[in-house]
Amino acid sequence: MTYPKTIVLASNNEHKAREVEAMLEVFNIKVVPQKNFNVPDVAEDGKSFIQNALIKAYNASAYASMPALADDSGICVDALNGAPGIFSARYAGVHGDDKGNNKKLLEELAHVKADKRTARFVCALAFVRQGDDPTPLIATASWEGMIGFEERGANGFGYDPLFYLKDRHASAAQIPPQLKNLLSHRFKAMQQMLELLRQSYAH
């Protein structure tokens, strides 16, 4: 069985689409955002990153009539009992409001000392071959770091300017995108997904 030539990414985020396509280059798979197929948004009402990734993957595949890959990711802060978690993209109330989300996170952690600001990015990937695929492929991974006291760096997106990497002495938005792609939760999850794809399409 051969790999699909094109898959729909269950996201309208161009940053994610570029990151994912770069990681899928090994299979020569073209990644197209769901908006190109007029895929409507679906309620992300799962209780976990995995459930939400599956909801989005099935929705995109059903509308686009092709294999779909969905990413549900966010940041989990220990001092906030894992929040914002699955609500990361809409933490401040409006989906995709990066500035608002970062501002709210800083406010919530205003009185938390540096050594208690541990956090991790979490990524769940779900791949379905069609809209009723009974055996979806699922991969999860995390990326450990700390929440800084201010935004730093112009690279990346989302919470990257606040996500401080102690071993790099920099935020995720201060390191080059190529390096971020090798360290990130999404890269680690994608490495697992690539192996699952290899196994799945080898039969």
N, C-alpha and C. Protein backbone atom coordinates (compact mmCIF):
# COMPACT_ATOMS: atom_id res chain seq x y z
N MET A 1 0.85 -1.19 0.00
CA MET A 1 0.00 0.00 0.00
C MET A 1 0.88 1.24 0.00
N THR A 2 0.53 2.24 -0.81
CA THR A 2 1.33 3.47 -0.87
C THR A 2 0.76 4.54 0.05
N TYR A 3 1.63 5.45 0.45
CA TYR A 3 1.21 6.54 1.32
C TYR A 3 0.28 7.48 0.56
N PRO A 4 -0.64 8.13 1.26
CA PRO A 4 -1.49 9.12 0.58
C PRO A 4 -0.64 10.29 0.08
N LYS A 5 -0.98 10.82 -1.08
CA LYS A 5 -0.21 11.94 -1.64
C LYS A 5 -0.56 13.25 -0.93
N THR A 6 -1.78 13.35 -0.47
CA THR A 6 -2.24 14.57 0.20
C THR A 6 -3.07 14.19 1.42
N ILE A 7 -2.88 14.91 2.49
CA ILE A 7 -3.75 14.73 3.66
C ILE A 7 -4.26 16.10 4.07
N VAL A 8 -5.42 16.12 4.68
CA VAL A 8 -5.97 17.37 5.20
C VAL A 8 -5.56 17.51 6.66
N LEU A 9 -5.07 18.68 7.01
CA LEU A 9 -4.72 18.96 8.40
C LEU A 9 -5.93 19.59 9.06
N ALA A 10 -6.42 18.98 10.12
CA ALA A 10 -7.63 19.46 10.79
C ALA A 10 -7.31 20.69 11.64
N SER A 11 -6.89 21.74 10.95
CA SER A 11 -6.54 23.00 11.60
C SER A 11 -6.53 24.07 10.53
N ASN A 12 -6.80 25.31 10.93
CA ASN A 12 -6.68 26.44 10.02
C ASN A 12 -5.41 27.24 10.30
N ASN A 13 -4.58 26.70 11.19
CA ASN A 13 -3.36 27.37 11.61
C ASN A 13 -2.24 27.13 10.60
N GLU A 14 -1.87 28.19 9.87
CA GLU A 14 -0.84 28.05 8.83
C GLU A 14 0.51 27.68 9.43
N HIS A 15 0.79 28.15 10.65
CA HIS A 15 2.05 27.80 11.31
C HIS A 15 2.14 26.29 11.51
N LYS A 16 1.05 25.71 12.01
CA LYS A 16 1.02 24.26 12.23
C LYS A 16 1.17 23.52 10.91
N ALA A 17 0.48 24.00 9.86
CA ALA A 17 0.52 23.33 8.56
C ALA A 17 1.95 23.28 8.03
N ARG A 18 2.68 24.39 8.18
CA ARG A 18 4.06 24.42 7.70
C ARG A 18 4.95 23.48 8.51
N GLU A 19 4.77 23.49 9.85
CA GLU A 19 5.57 22.61 10.71
C GLU A 19 5.32 21.15 10.36
N VAL A 20 4.03 20.79 10.22
CA VAL A 20 3.67 19.39 9.96
C VAL A 20 4.17 18.96 8.58
N GLU A 21 4.02 19.82 7.57
CA GLU A 21 4.46 19.43 6.23
C GLU A 21 5.97 19.21 6.20
N ALA A 22 6.71 20.05 6.93
CA ALA A 22 8.17 19.88 6.99
C ALA A 22 8.53 18.53 7.58
N MET A 23 7.75 18.09 8.57
CA MET A 23 8.02 16.81 9.22
C MET A 23 7.60 15.61 8.36
N LEU A 24 6.66 15.83 7.43
CA LEU A 24 6.18 14.74 6.58
C LEU A 24 6.90 14.68 5.24
N GLU A 25 7.91 15.52 5.08
CA GLU A 25 8.65 15.55 3.81
C GLU A 25 9.20 14.18 3.44
N VAL A 26 9.57 13.40 4.44
CA VAL A 26 10.16 12.08 4.20
C VAL A 26 9.22 11.19 3.39
N PHE A 27 7.91 11.42 3.47
CA PHE A 27 6.94 10.61 2.74
C PHE A 27 6.42 11.32 1.49
N ASN A 28 6.92 12.54 1.23
CA ASN A 28 6.42 13.35 0.11
C ASN A 28 4.91 13.54 0.18
N ILE A 29 4.43 13.76 1.40
CA ILE A 29 3.00 13.97 1.60
C ILE A 29 2.73 15.48 1.68
N LYS A 30 1.79 15.94 0.87
CA LYS A 30 1.39 17.34 0.89
C LYS A 30 0.35 17.54 1.98
N VAL A 31 0.52 18.57 2.77
CA VAL A 31 -0.41 18.86 3.88
C VAL A 31 -1.22 20.10 3.53
N VAL A 32 -2.54 19.96 3.54
CA VAL A 32 -3.42 21.06 3.16
C VAL A 32 -4.32 21.42 4.35
N PRO A 33 -4.36 22.69 4.76
CA PRO A 33 -5.24 23.08 5.87
C PRO A 33 -6.71 22.82 5.52
N GLN A 34 -7.51 22.52 6.51
CA GLN A 34 -8.90 22.15 6.26
C GLN A 34 -9.73 23.27 5.63
N LYS A 35 -9.31 24.52 5.82
CA LYS A 35 -10.09 25.62 5.24
C LYS A 35 -10.10 25.56 3.72
N ASN A 36 -9.08 24.92 3.12
CA ASN A 36 -9.05 24.77 1.66
C ASN A 36 -10.17 23.87 1.16
N PHE A 37 -10.75 23.09 2.05
CA PHE A 37 -11.85 22.19 1.69
C PHE A 37 -13.17 22.64 2.32
N ASN A 38 -13.16 23.88 2.85
CA ASN A 38 -14.36 24.42 3.50
C ASN A 38 -14.87 23.51 4.61
N VAL A 39 -13.93 22.91 5.35
CA VAL A 39 -14.32 22.06 6.48
C VAL A 39 -14.78 22.95 7.63
N PRO A 40 -16.00 22.77 8.10
CA PRO A 40 -16.46 23.60 9.22
C PRO A 40 -15.79 23.20 10.53
N ASP A 41 -15.64 24.16 11.42
CA ASP A 41 -15.10 23.84 12.74
C ASP A 41 -16.06 22.92 13.47
N VAL A 42 -15.51 22.11 14.34
CA VAL A 42 -16.33 21.18 15.12
C VAL A 42 -16.10 21.47 16.60
N ALA A 43 -17.11 21.23 17.42
CA ALA A 43 -16.98 21.48 18.85
C ALA A 43 -15.93 20.55 19.45
N GLU A 44 -14.91 21.14 20.06
CA GLU A 44 -13.86 20.36 20.70
C GLU A 44 -14.28 20.12 22.16
N ASP A 45 -15.21 19.18 22.32
CA ASP A 45 -15.78 18.96 23.65
C ASP A 45 -15.28 17.69 24.32
N GLY A 46 -14.11 17.21 23.88
CA GLY A 46 -13.50 16.06 24.55
C GLY A 46 -12.92 16.46 25.88
N LYS A 47 -12.57 15.46 26.67
CA LYS A 47 -11.99 15.73 27.99
C LYS A 47 -10.47 15.64 28.00
N SER A 48 -9.89 15.33 26.84
CA SER A 48 -8.43 15.18 26.77
C SER A 48 -7.93 15.66 25.41
N PHE A 49 -6.62 15.83 25.31
CA PHE A 49 -6.01 16.20 24.03
C PHE A 49 -6.31 15.13 22.98
N ILE A 50 -6.24 13.86 23.37
CA ILE A 50 -6.47 12.77 22.42
C ILE A 50 -7.91 12.79 21.90
N GLN A 51 -8.87 12.96 22.80
CA GLN A 51 -10.27 12.98 22.37
C GLN A 51 -10.52 14.13 21.40
N ASN A 52 -9.98 15.29 21.69
CA ASN A 52 -10.18 16.44 20.80
C ASN A 52 -9.50 16.24 19.46
N ALA A 53 -8.31 15.63 19.47
CA ALA A 53 -7.62 15.36 18.20
C ALA A 53 -8.45 14.41 17.33
N LEU A 54 -9.02 13.39 17.94
CA LEU A 54 -9.85 12.45 17.20
C LEU A 54 -11.10 13.12 16.63
N ILE A 55 -11.75 13.95 17.45
CA ILE A 55 -12.95 14.66 16.99
C ILE A 55 -12.62 15.48 15.74
N LYS A 56 -11.51 16.20 15.78
CA LYS A 56 -11.13 17.06 14.65
C LYS A 56 -10.71 16.26 13.42
N ALA A 57 -10.00 15.15 13.65
CA ALA A 57 -9.55 14.33 12.52
C ALA A 57 -10.73 13.71 11.78
N TYR A 58 -11.66 13.14 12.51
CA TYR A 58 -12.83 12.52 11.88
C TYR A 58 -13.66 13.57 11.13
N ASN A 59 -13.81 14.72 11.71
CA ASN A 59 -14.59 15.79 11.08
C ASN A 59 -13.95 16.22 9.75
N ALA A 60 -12.64 16.48 9.77
CA ALA A 60 -11.95 16.94 8.56
C ALA A 60 -11.96 15.87 7.48
N SER A 61 -11.73 14.62 7.86
CA SER A 61 -11.69 13.54 6.88
C SER A 61 -13.05 13.34 6.23
N ALA A 62 -14.12 13.42 7.01
CA ALA A 62 -15.47 13.23 6.49
C ALA A 62 -15.82 14.31 5.46
N TYR A 63 -15.45 15.55 5.73
CA TYR A 63 -15.78 16.65 4.82
C TYR A 63 -14.87 16.70 3.60
N ALA A 64 -13.59 16.38 3.79
CA ALA A 64 -12.64 16.48 2.68
C ALA A 64 -12.53 15.19 1.88
N SER A 65 -13.09 14.11 2.40
CA SER A 65 -13.04 12.80 1.73
C SER A 65 -11.61 12.36 1.44
N MET A 66 -10.77 12.52 2.44
CA MET A 66 -9.37 12.07 2.32
C MET A 66 -8.80 11.85 3.71
N PRO A 67 -7.65 11.21 3.80
CA PRO A 67 -7.03 11.01 5.12
C PRO A 67 -6.80 12.35 5.82
N ALA A 68 -6.93 12.33 7.13
CA ALA A 68 -6.78 13.57 7.90
C ALA A 68 -5.87 13.36 9.10
N LEU A 69 -5.12 14.42 9.40
CA LEU A 69 -4.26 14.44 10.58
C LEU A 69 -4.70 15.61 11.45
N ALA A 70 -4.93 15.34 12.71
CA ALA A 70 -5.30 16.40 13.64
C ALA A 70 -4.29 16.47 14.77
N ASP A 71 -4.06 17.69 15.20
CA ASP A 71 -3.15 17.95 16.30
C ASP A 71 -3.96 18.67 17.37
N ASP A 72 -3.95 18.17 18.57
CA ASP A 72 -4.51 18.94 19.67
C ASP A 72 -3.39 19.11 20.68
N SER A 73 -3.05 20.32 20.93
CA SER A 73 -1.91 20.56 21.80
C SER A 73 -2.18 21.75 22.70
N GLY A 74 -1.39 21.86 23.74
CA GLY A 74 -1.55 22.97 24.66
C GLY A 74 -0.47 22.93 25.72
N ILE A 75 -0.59 23.83 26.65
CA ILE A 75 0.41 23.92 27.70
C ILE A 75 -0.24 23.61 29.04
N CYS A 76 0.45 22.82 29.84
CA CYS A 76 -0.05 22.42 31.16
C CYS A 76 0.91 22.94 32.22
N VAL A 77 0.40 23.77 33.10
CA VAL A 77 1.22 24.41 34.12
C VAL A 77 0.95 23.77 35.48
N ASP A 78 2.00 23.28 36.11
CA ASP A 78 1.84 22.55 37.37
C ASP A 78 1.19 23.40 38.47
N ALA A 79 1.60 24.66 38.57
CA ALA A 79 1.07 25.53 39.63
C ALA A 79 -0.42 25.84 39.44
N LEU A 80 -0.92 25.56 38.23
CA LEU A 80 -2.34 25.80 37.93
C LEU A 80 -3.09 24.48 37.78
N ASN A 81 -2.52 23.41 38.37
CA ASN A 81 -3.15 22.08 38.32
C ASN A 81 -3.39 21.60 36.88
N GLY A 82 -2.46 21.94 36.00
CA GLY A 82 -2.54 21.46 34.61
C GLY A 82 -3.21 22.42 33.65
N ALA A 83 -3.77 23.50 34.15
CA ALA A 83 -4.37 24.51 33.26
C ALA A 83 -3.24 25.27 32.54
N PRO A 84 -3.54 25.89 31.38
CA PRO A 84 -4.81 25.89 30.67
C PRO A 84 -5.16 24.57 29.97
N GLY A 85 -4.21 23.66 29.77
CA GLY A 85 -4.50 22.34 29.23
C GLY A 85 -5.24 22.38 27.90
N ILE A 86 -6.35 21.63 27.82
CA ILE A 86 -7.08 21.54 26.55
C ILE A 86 -7.75 22.86 26.17
N PHE A 87 -7.76 23.82 27.09
CA PHE A 87 -8.34 25.13 26.79
C PHE A 87 -7.27 26.16 26.41
N SER A 88 -6.06 25.70 26.12
CA SER A 88 -4.94 26.61 25.87
C SER A 88 -5.22 27.63 24.78
N ALA A 89 -5.82 27.20 23.66
CA ALA A 89 -6.04 28.10 22.53
C ALA A 89 -7.08 29.17 22.83
N ARG A 90 -7.96 28.91 23.79
CA ARG A 90 -9.03 29.87 24.11
C ARG A 90 -9.01 30.23 25.60
N TYR A 91 -7.86 30.24 26.19
CA TYR A 91 -7.70 30.49 27.62
C TYR A 91 -8.25 31.86 28.02
N ALA A 92 -8.02 32.86 27.18
CA ALA A 92 -8.49 34.22 27.49
C ALA A 92 -9.91 34.48 26.99
N GLY A 93 -10.54 33.47 26.39
CA GLY A 93 -11.93 33.61 25.97
C GLY A 93 -12.16 33.58 24.47
N VAL A 94 -11.16 34.01 23.69
CA VAL A 94 -11.29 34.03 22.24
C VAL A 94 -10.28 33.06 21.64
N HIS A 95 -10.74 32.14 20.80
CA HIS A 95 -9.86 31.12 20.22
C HIS A 95 -8.75 31.78 19.40
N GLY A 96 -7.51 31.40 19.70
CA GLY A 96 -6.38 31.87 18.91
C GLY A 96 -5.86 33.25 19.30
N ASP A 97 -6.31 33.78 20.43
CA ASP A 97 -5.83 35.10 20.88
C ASP A 97 -4.53 34.92 21.66
N ASP A 98 -3.42 34.80 20.93
CA ASP A 98 -2.13 34.51 21.57
C ASP A 98 -1.77 35.54 22.63
N LYS A 99 -1.88 36.82 22.28
CA LYS A 99 -1.52 37.88 23.22
C LYS A 99 -2.38 37.82 24.48
N GLY A 100 -3.68 37.64 24.28
CA GLY A 100 -4.59 37.57 25.41
C GLY A 100 -4.32 36.36 26.29
N ASN A 101 -4.04 35.22 25.66
CA ASN A 101 -3.74 34.01 26.41
C ASN A 101 -2.47 34.16 27.24
N ASN A 102 -1.44 34.72 26.63
CA ASN A 102 -0.18 34.91 27.34
C ASN A 102 -0.34 35.89 28.51
N LYS A 103 -1.11 36.94 28.26
CA LYS A 103 -1.35 37.95 29.31
C LYS A 103 -2.07 37.30 30.49
N LYS A 104 -3.08 36.49 30.22
CA LYS A 104 -3.82 35.85 31.29
C LYS A 104 -2.94 34.87 32.06
N LEU A 105 -2.11 34.12 31.34
CA LEU A 105 -1.23 33.16 32.02
C LEU A 105 -0.26 33.87 32.96
N LEU A 106 0.31 34.99 32.50
CA LEU A 106 1.21 35.75 33.35
C LEU A 106 0.48 36.28 34.59
N GLU A 107 -0.75 36.71 34.40
CA GLU A 107 -1.53 37.21 35.53
C GLU A 107 -1.81 36.10 36.54
N GLU A 108 -2.15 34.91 36.05
CA GLU A 108 -2.45 33.79 36.93
C GLU A 108 -1.22 33.35 37.72
N LEU A 109 -0.04 33.58 37.16
CA LEU A 109 1.20 33.14 37.80
C LEU A 109 1.96 34.30 38.45
N ALA A 110 1.33 35.42 38.58
CA ALA A 110 2.00 36.64 39.06
C ALA A 110 2.71 36.44 40.39
N HIS A 111 2.15 35.63 41.27
CA HIS A 111 2.74 35.46 42.61
C HIS A 111 3.44 34.11 42.78
N VAL A 112 3.68 33.42 41.66
CA VAL A 112 4.34 32.11 41.72
C VAL A 112 5.84 32.28 41.47
N LYS A 113 6.64 31.75 42.37
CA LYS A 113 8.09 31.90 42.28
C LYS A 113 8.66 31.10 41.09
N ALA A 114 9.86 31.48 40.69
CA ALA A 114 10.49 30.91 39.50
C ALA A 114 10.57 29.40 39.53
N ASP A 115 10.96 28.83 40.67
CA ASP A 115 11.17 27.38 40.72
C ASP A 115 9.86 26.59 40.76
N LYS A 116 8.73 27.29 40.90
CA LYS A 116 7.42 26.63 40.93
C LYS A 116 6.65 26.80 39.62
N ARG A 117 7.32 27.34 38.59
CA ARG A 117 6.64 27.66 37.33
C ARG A 117 6.87 26.57 36.27
N THR A 118 7.03 25.34 36.72
CA THR A 118 7.25 24.23 35.79
C THR A 118 6.01 24.00 34.92
N ALA A 119 6.27 23.62 33.68
CA ALA A 119 5.18 23.42 32.73
C ALA A 119 5.65 22.52 31.61
N ARG A 120 4.69 22.07 30.82
CA ARG A 120 5.05 21.27 29.65
C ARG A 120 4.04 21.52 28.53
N PHE A 121 4.56 21.53 27.33
CA PHE A 121 3.70 21.49 26.16
C PHE A 121 3.33 20.03 25.93
N VAL A 122 2.09 19.78 25.58
CA VAL A 122 1.62 18.43 25.28
C VAL A 122 1.02 18.44 23.88
N CYS A 123 1.31 17.39 23.12
CA CYS A 123 0.76 17.26 21.78
C CYS A 123 0.16 15.87 21.61
N ALA A 124 -1.06 15.83 21.11
CA ALA A 124 -1.70 14.57 20.72
C ALA A 124 -1.99 14.64 19.22
N LEU A 125 -1.56 13.65 18.48
CA LEU A 125 -1.83 13.56 17.05
C LEU A 125 -2.76 12.40 16.79
N ALA A 126 -3.72 12.62 15.90
CA ALA A 126 -4.63 11.55 15.48
C ALA A 126 -4.68 11.53 13.96
N PHE A 127 -4.51 10.35 13.38
CA PHE A 127 -4.56 10.18 11.93
C PHE A 127 -5.67 9.19 11.60
N VAL A 128 -6.57 9.58 10.70
CA VAL A 128 -7.62 8.67 10.25
C VAL A 128 -7.56 8.58 8.73
N ARG A 129 -7.80 7.38 8.21
CA ARG A 129 -7.75 7.15 6.76
C ARG A 129 -9.01 7.63 6.08
N GLN A 130 -10.13 7.55 6.80
CA GLN A 130 -11.41 8.06 6.30
C GLN A 130 -12.28 8.45 7.49
N GLY A 131 -13.42 9.06 7.20
CA GLY A 131 -14.26 9.62 8.26
C GLY A 131 -14.85 8.63 9.23
N ASP A 132 -14.79 7.33 8.89
CA ASP A 132 -15.30 6.32 9.82
C ASP A 132 -14.24 5.27 10.14
N ASP A 133 -12.98 5.68 10.10
CA ASP A 133 -11.85 4.78 10.35
C ASP A 133 -11.97 4.16 11.75
N PRO A 134 -12.09 2.82 11.85
CA PRO A 134 -12.24 2.19 13.17
C PRO A 134 -10.92 2.01 13.91
N THR A 135 -9.79 2.23 13.21
CA THR A 135 -8.48 2.04 13.85
C THR A 135 -7.60 3.27 13.61
N PRO A 136 -7.93 4.38 14.24
CA PRO A 136 -7.11 5.59 14.07
C PRO A 136 -5.72 5.39 14.66
N LEU A 137 -4.76 6.15 14.16
CA LEU A 137 -3.41 6.13 14.70
C LEU A 137 -3.28 7.30 15.66
N ILE A 138 -2.72 7.05 16.84
CA ILE A 138 -2.63 8.07 17.88
C ILE A 138 -1.21 8.13 18.44
N ALA A 139 -0.70 9.35 18.58
CA ALA A 139 0.63 9.55 19.16
C ALA A 139 0.58 10.74 20.10
N THR A 140 1.28 10.64 21.22
CA THR A 140 1.33 11.75 22.18
C THR A 140 2.76 11.97 22.65
N ALA A 141 3.08 13.22 22.99
CA ALA A 141 4.42 13.54 23.50
C ALA A 141 4.34 14.86 24.26
N SER A 142 5.38 15.12 25.06
CA SER A 142 5.43 16.38 25.81
C SER A 142 6.82 17.01 25.73
N TRP A 143 6.89 18.27 26.13
CA TRP A 143 8.14 19.05 26.09
C TRP A 143 8.21 19.84 27.38
N GLU A 144 9.20 19.55 28.21
CA GLU A 144 9.30 20.16 29.54
C GLU A 144 9.96 21.53 29.49
N GLY A 145 9.46 22.42 30.34
CA GLY A 145 10.05 23.75 30.43
C GLY A 145 9.53 24.51 31.64
N MET A 146 9.68 25.81 31.62
CA MET A 146 9.21 26.70 32.69
C MET A 146 8.44 27.85 32.05
N ILE A 147 7.60 28.50 32.84
CA ILE A 147 6.92 29.70 32.37
C ILE A 147 7.73 30.91 32.82
N GLY A 148 8.15 31.72 31.87
CA GLY A 148 8.93 32.90 32.19
C GLY A 148 8.08 34.00 32.81
N PHE A 149 8.71 35.13 33.09
CA PHE A 149 8.01 36.25 33.71
C PHE A 149 7.61 37.31 32.68
N GLU A 150 8.05 37.14 31.46
CA GLU A 150 7.70 38.07 30.38
C GLU A 150 7.90 37.37 29.04
N GLU A 151 7.26 37.90 28.01
CA GLU A 151 7.41 37.33 26.67
C GLU A 151 8.79 37.66 26.13
N ARG A 152 9.41 36.67 25.52
CA ARG A 152 10.72 36.88 24.91
C ARG A 152 10.79 36.16 23.57
N GLY A 153 11.30 36.84 22.56
CA GLY A 153 11.51 36.22 21.26
C GLY A 153 10.39 36.49 20.27
N ALA A 154 10.74 36.43 18.98
CA ALA A 154 9.79 36.74 17.92
C ALA A 154 9.47 35.53 17.05
N ASN A 155 10.12 34.41 17.32
CA ASN A 155 9.82 33.20 16.55
C ASN A 155 8.65 32.47 17.18
N GLY A 156 8.17 31.45 16.50
CA GLY A 156 7.13 30.61 17.08
C GLY A 156 5.78 31.31 17.15
N PHE A 157 4.90 30.73 17.96
CA PHE A 157 3.55 31.26 18.10
C PHE A 157 2.96 30.75 19.41
N GLY A 158 1.76 31.16 19.72
CA GLY A 158 1.11 30.69 20.95
C GLY A 158 1.89 31.08 22.19
N TYR A 159 2.15 30.10 23.03
CA TYR A 159 2.82 30.35 24.31
C TYR A 159 4.35 30.29 24.19
N ASP A 160 4.87 30.14 22.98
CA ASP A 160 6.32 30.02 22.80
C ASP A 160 7.12 31.14 23.48
N PRO A 161 6.68 32.42 23.41
CA PRO A 161 7.47 33.48 24.05
C PRO A 161 7.57 33.36 25.57
N LEU A 162 6.66 32.60 26.19
CA LEU A 162 6.68 32.44 27.64
C LEU A 162 7.31 31.13 28.09
N PHE A 163 7.52 30.21 27.14
CA PHE A 163 7.98 28.86 27.49
C PHE A 163 9.51 28.86 27.52
N TYR A 164 10.05 28.88 28.74
CA TYR A 164 11.50 29.01 28.93
C TYR A 164 12.17 27.64 29.03
N LEU A 165 13.24 27.49 28.27
CA LEU A 165 14.01 26.24 28.23
C LEU A 165 15.30 26.45 29.00
N LYS A 166 15.38 25.85 30.19
CA LYS A 166 16.53 26.09 31.06
C LYS A 166 17.84 25.67 30.41
N ASP A 167 17.83 24.55 29.70
CA ASP A 167 19.07 24.06 29.10
C ASP A 167 19.52 24.91 27.92
N ARG A 168 18.60 25.70 27.35
CA ARG A 168 18.95 26.56 26.21
C ARG A 168 19.09 28.02 26.63
N HIS A 169 18.73 28.33 27.87
CA HIS A 169 18.75 29.71 28.37
C HIS A 169 18.00 30.65 27.43
N ALA A 170 16.87 30.16 26.95
CA ALA A 170 16.09 30.93 25.98
C ALA A 170 14.65 30.43 25.99
N SER A 171 13.77 31.26 25.47
CA SER A 171 12.38 30.83 25.32
C SER A 171 12.26 30.06 24.00
N ALA A 172 11.13 29.38 23.84
CA ALA A 172 10.90 28.64 22.59
C ALA A 172 10.77 29.59 21.41
N ALA A 173 10.50 30.87 21.69
CA ALA A 173 10.38 31.86 20.62
C ALA A 173 11.72 32.54 20.31
N GLN A 174 12.75 32.20 21.10
CA GLN A 174 14.07 32.79 20.86
C GLN A 174 15.00 31.85 20.10
N ILE A 175 14.66 30.57 20.06
CA ILE A 175 15.52 29.62 19.35
C ILE A 175 15.08 29.56 17.89
N PRO A 176 15.99 29.19 16.97
CA PRO A 176 15.63 29.11 15.55
C PRO A 176 14.51 28.09 15.32
N PRO A 177 13.60 28.36 14.37
CA PRO A 177 12.50 27.44 14.10
C PRO A 177 12.97 26.02 13.80
N GLN A 178 14.13 25.90 13.11
CA GLN A 178 14.64 24.56 12.78
C GLN A 178 14.99 23.79 14.04
N LEU A 179 15.53 24.48 15.04
CA LEU A 179 15.88 23.82 16.30
C LEU A 179 14.62 23.49 17.08
N LYS A 180 13.67 24.42 17.10
CA LYS A 180 12.41 24.16 17.79
C LYS A 180 11.76 22.89 17.23
N ASN A 181 11.79 22.74 15.90
CA ASN A 181 11.16 21.58 15.27
C ASN A 181 11.81 20.26 15.69
N LEU A 182 13.05 20.33 16.17
CA LEU A 182 13.74 19.11 16.60
C LEU A 182 13.55 18.83 18.10
N LEU A 183 13.09 19.83 18.84
CA LEU A 183 12.94 19.69 20.29
C LEU A 183 11.50 19.56 20.74
N SER A 184 10.58 20.05 19.94
CA SER A 184 9.21 20.27 20.39
C SER A 184 8.40 19.01 20.63
N HIS A 185 7.34 19.20 21.40
CA HIS A 185 6.35 18.15 21.65
C HIS A 185 5.75 17.65 20.35
N ARG A 186 5.53 18.58 19.40
CA ARG A 186 4.93 18.19 18.12
C ARG A 186 5.89 17.31 17.32
N PHE A 187 7.18 17.65 17.36
CA PHE A 187 8.17 16.83 16.64
C PHE A 187 8.24 15.43 17.24
N LYS A 188 8.26 15.36 18.57
CA LYS A 188 8.35 14.05 19.22
C LYS A 188 7.12 13.20 18.90
N ALA A 189 5.94 13.83 18.95
CA ALA A 189 4.72 13.09 18.62
C ALA A 189 4.73 12.68 17.15
N MET A 190 5.25 13.57 16.29
CA MET A 190 5.27 13.26 14.86
C MET A 190 6.24 12.11 14.56
N GLN A 191 7.33 12.01 15.30
CA GLN A 191 8.25 10.89 15.10
C GLN A 191 7.53 9.57 15.39
N GLN A 192 6.73 9.57 16.45
CA GLN A 192 5.93 8.38 16.75
C GLN A 192 4.92 8.11 15.63
N MET A 193 4.28 9.18 15.15
CA MET A 193 3.27 9.03 14.10
C MET A 193 3.89 8.52 12.80
N LEU A 194 5.08 9.00 12.48
CA LEU A 194 5.75 8.55 11.26
C LEU A 194 5.98 7.04 11.31
N GLU A 195 6.38 6.55 12.47
CA GLU A 195 6.61 5.11 12.62
C GLU A 195 5.29 4.35 12.51
N LEU A 196 4.23 4.90 13.09
CA LEU A 196 2.91 4.26 12.97
C LEU A 196 2.46 4.25 11.52
N LEU A 197 2.72 5.32 10.79
CA LEU A 197 2.35 5.38 9.37
C LEU A 197 3.13 4.34 8.56
N ARG A 198 4.42 4.25 8.88
CA ARG A 198 5.26 3.25 8.17
C ARG A 198 4.69 1.85 8.38
N GLN A 199 4.37 1.55 9.62
CA GLN A 199 3.82 0.23 9.93
C GLN A 199 2.47 0.02 9.28
N SER A 200 1.62 1.03 9.33
CA SER A 200 0.27 0.93 8.80
C SER A 200 0.25 0.73 7.29
N TYR A 201 1.10 1.49 6.59
CA TYR A 201 1.09 1.42 5.12
C TYR A 201 2.06 0.39 4.56
N ALA A 202 2.70 -0.38 5.46
CA ALA A 202 3.60 -1.44 5.00
C ALA A 202 2.81 -2.68 4.63
N HIS A 203 1.57 -2.75 5.10
CA HIS A 203 0.76 -3.97 4.89
C HIS A 203 0.06 -3.92 3.53
